[in-house]
């Protein structure tokens, strides 16, 4: 399982299509709370693929590609953990990799693919 790259090369794609990991997202919410409980949006279907997974939002009709198996595992397991932080730890994400995975989760939250879980 590969980690998202912080320096994409020409033709390389990030773990979440359309998200670059070498620059901060300009309108990324400052308050993405990794200690909050998150889940896959009930309006979103996750379909595993050899390259990772497809996410389809039935409300917005948006399609996203997850091209990193670790991100797929984290997203799939969010409902099984008390927080996004716990899901990251369970996936074996190292402190050095953490910012890249948090950025991927932030992008998924911004696009409503994942949502805060009700208490």
Protein backbone atom coordinates (compact mmCIF):
# COMPACT_ATOMS: atom_id res chain seq x y z
CA UNK A 1 0.00 0.00 0.00
CA UNK A 2 1.55 3.22 -1.08
CA UNK A 3 1.29 6.57 0.63
CA UNK A 4 0.13 9.64 -1.25
CA UNK A 5 3.11 11.35 -2.76
CA UNK A 6 4.11 14.81 -1.64
CA UNK A 7 5.89 15.52 -4.92
CA UNK A 8 3.80 14.22 -7.80
CA UNK A 9 5.73 13.67 -10.99
CA UNK A 10 4.45 14.52 -14.42
CA UNK A 11 1.54 12.25 -15.22
CA UNK A 12 1.31 11.05 -11.61
CA UNK A 13 -2.04 11.34 -9.92
CA UNK A 14 -2.79 11.96 -6.28
CA UNK A 15 -4.61 9.58 -3.95
CA UNK A 16 -7.82 11.52 -4.53
CA UNK A 17 -8.27 12.65 -8.12
CA UNK A 18 -8.05 16.41 -8.42
CA UNK A 19 -6.19 16.89 -5.13
CA UNK A 20 -2.52 17.80 -5.11
CA UNK A 21 -0.65 16.93 -1.95
CA UNK A 22 2.34 19.21 -2.46
CA UNK A 23 0.36 22.41 -1.89
CA UNK A 24 -2.22 23.15 0.77
CA UNK A 25 -5.80 23.31 -0.44
CA UNK A 26 -6.67 27.01 -0.71
CA UNK A 27 -10.13 26.72 0.84
CA UNK A 28 -9.48 23.74 3.09
CA UNK A 29 -11.45 24.19 6.26
CA UNK A 30 -9.13 25.09 9.07
CA UNK A 31 -11.27 23.08 11.42
CA UNK A 32 -11.20 19.56 9.96
CA UNK A 33 -11.39 17.72 13.23
CA UNK A 34 -9.51 14.43 13.16
CA UNK A 35 -10.74 13.75 16.69
CA UNK A 36 -14.39 13.85 15.58
CA UNK A 37 -16.30 10.78 14.45
CA UNK A 38 -16.71 10.57 10.65
CA UNK A 39 -18.42 8.20 8.27
CA UNK A 40 -18.99 7.66 4.59
CA UNK A 41 -21.93 9.84 3.60
CA UNK A 42 -25.06 7.64 3.42
CA UNK A 43 -25.66 9.07 -0.08
CA UNK A 44 -22.24 7.83 -1.25
CA UNK A 45 -21.41 4.43 -2.68
CA UNK A 46 -17.84 3.12 -2.48
CA UNK A 47 -16.93 0.58 -5.13
CA UNK A 48 -13.55 -1.17 -4.75
CA UNK A 49 -11.47 -1.25 -7.93
CA UNK A 50 -8.00 -2.69 -8.71
CA UNK A 51 -6.54 0.85 -8.59
CA UNK A 52 -8.31 1.78 -5.32
CA UNK A 53 -11.98 2.73 -5.34
CA UNK A 54 -14.69 4.82 -6.92
CA UNK A 55 -16.90 7.05 -4.79
CA UNK A 56 -20.22 8.15 -6.23
CA UNK A 57 -22.42 10.72 -4.48
CA UNK A 58 -26.04 10.09 -5.45
CA UNK A 59 -27.09 13.55 -4.25
CA UNK A 60 -24.57 15.64 -6.16
CA UNK A 61 -23.81 13.05 -8.87
CA UNK A 62 -20.11 13.65 -8.20
CA UNK A 63 -17.66 10.85 -8.93
CA UNK A 64 -14.31 10.66 -7.14
CA UNK A 65 -11.43 8.25 -7.58
CA UNK A 66 -9.41 7.01 -4.63
CA UNK A 67 -6.08 5.84 -6.00
CA UNK A 68 -4.47 4.83 -2.75
CA UNK A 69 -5.45 1.62 -0.98
CA UNK A 70 -4.62 3.06 2.43
CA UNK A 71 -7.04 5.95 1.83
CA UNK A 72 -9.67 3.42 0.74
CA UNK A 73 -9.11 1.46 3.94
CA UNK A 74 -9.33 4.56 6.11
CA UNK A 75 -12.53 5.77 4.44
CA UNK A 76 -14.06 2.28 4.63
CA UNK A 77 -13.25 2.00 8.33
CA UNK A 78 -14.28 5.47 9.52
CA UNK A 79 -17.60 4.19 10.91
CA UNK A 80 -15.74 1.51 12.88
CA UNK A 81 -13.61 4.03 14.79
CA UNK A 82 -14.36 6.69 17.37
CA UNK A 83 -12.54 9.31 15.29
CA UNK A 84 -10.69 9.93 12.05
CA UNK A 85 -7.53 9.97 14.16
CA UNK A 86 -8.26 6.43 15.38
CA UNK A 87 -8.85 5.30 11.78
CA UNK A 88 -5.50 6.81 10.74
CA UNK A 89 -3.70 5.04 13.59
CA UNK A 90 -5.41 1.73 12.82
CA UNK A 91 -4.30 2.04 9.18
CA UNK A 92 -0.69 2.40 10.31
CA UNK A 93 -0.28 5.97 9.07
CA UNK A 94 3.02 7.33 10.43
CA UNK A 95 3.40 10.85 11.84
CA UNK A 96 5.36 11.82 8.72
CA UNK A 97 2.53 10.61 6.45
CA UNK A 98 -0.29 12.00 8.59
CA UNK A 99 -0.59 15.48 6.99
CA UNK A 100 -1.04 13.94 3.54
CA UNK A 101 -3.81 11.62 4.69
CA UNK A 102 -5.52 14.38 6.67
CA UNK A 103 -5.46 16.51 3.52
CA UNK A 104 -7.09 13.66 1.58
CA UNK A 105 -9.78 13.29 4.26
CA UNK A 106 -10.29 17.06 4.24
CA UNK A 107 -10.87 16.98 0.48
CA UNK A 108 -13.39 14.18 0.92
CA UNK A 109 -15.16 16.13 3.67
CA UNK A 110 -15.22 19.27 1.52
CA UNK A 111 -16.93 17.34 -1.26
CA UNK A 112 -19.40 15.74 1.21
CA UNK A 113 -18.12 12.24 0.49
CA UNK A 114 -17.53 11.81 4.22
CA UNK A 115 -19.62 13.50 6.89
CA UNK A 116 -19.43 13.97 10.63
CA UNK A 117 -21.14 11.08 12.40
CA UNK A 118 -24.01 11.90 14.72
CA UNK A 119 -23.19 11.34 18.38
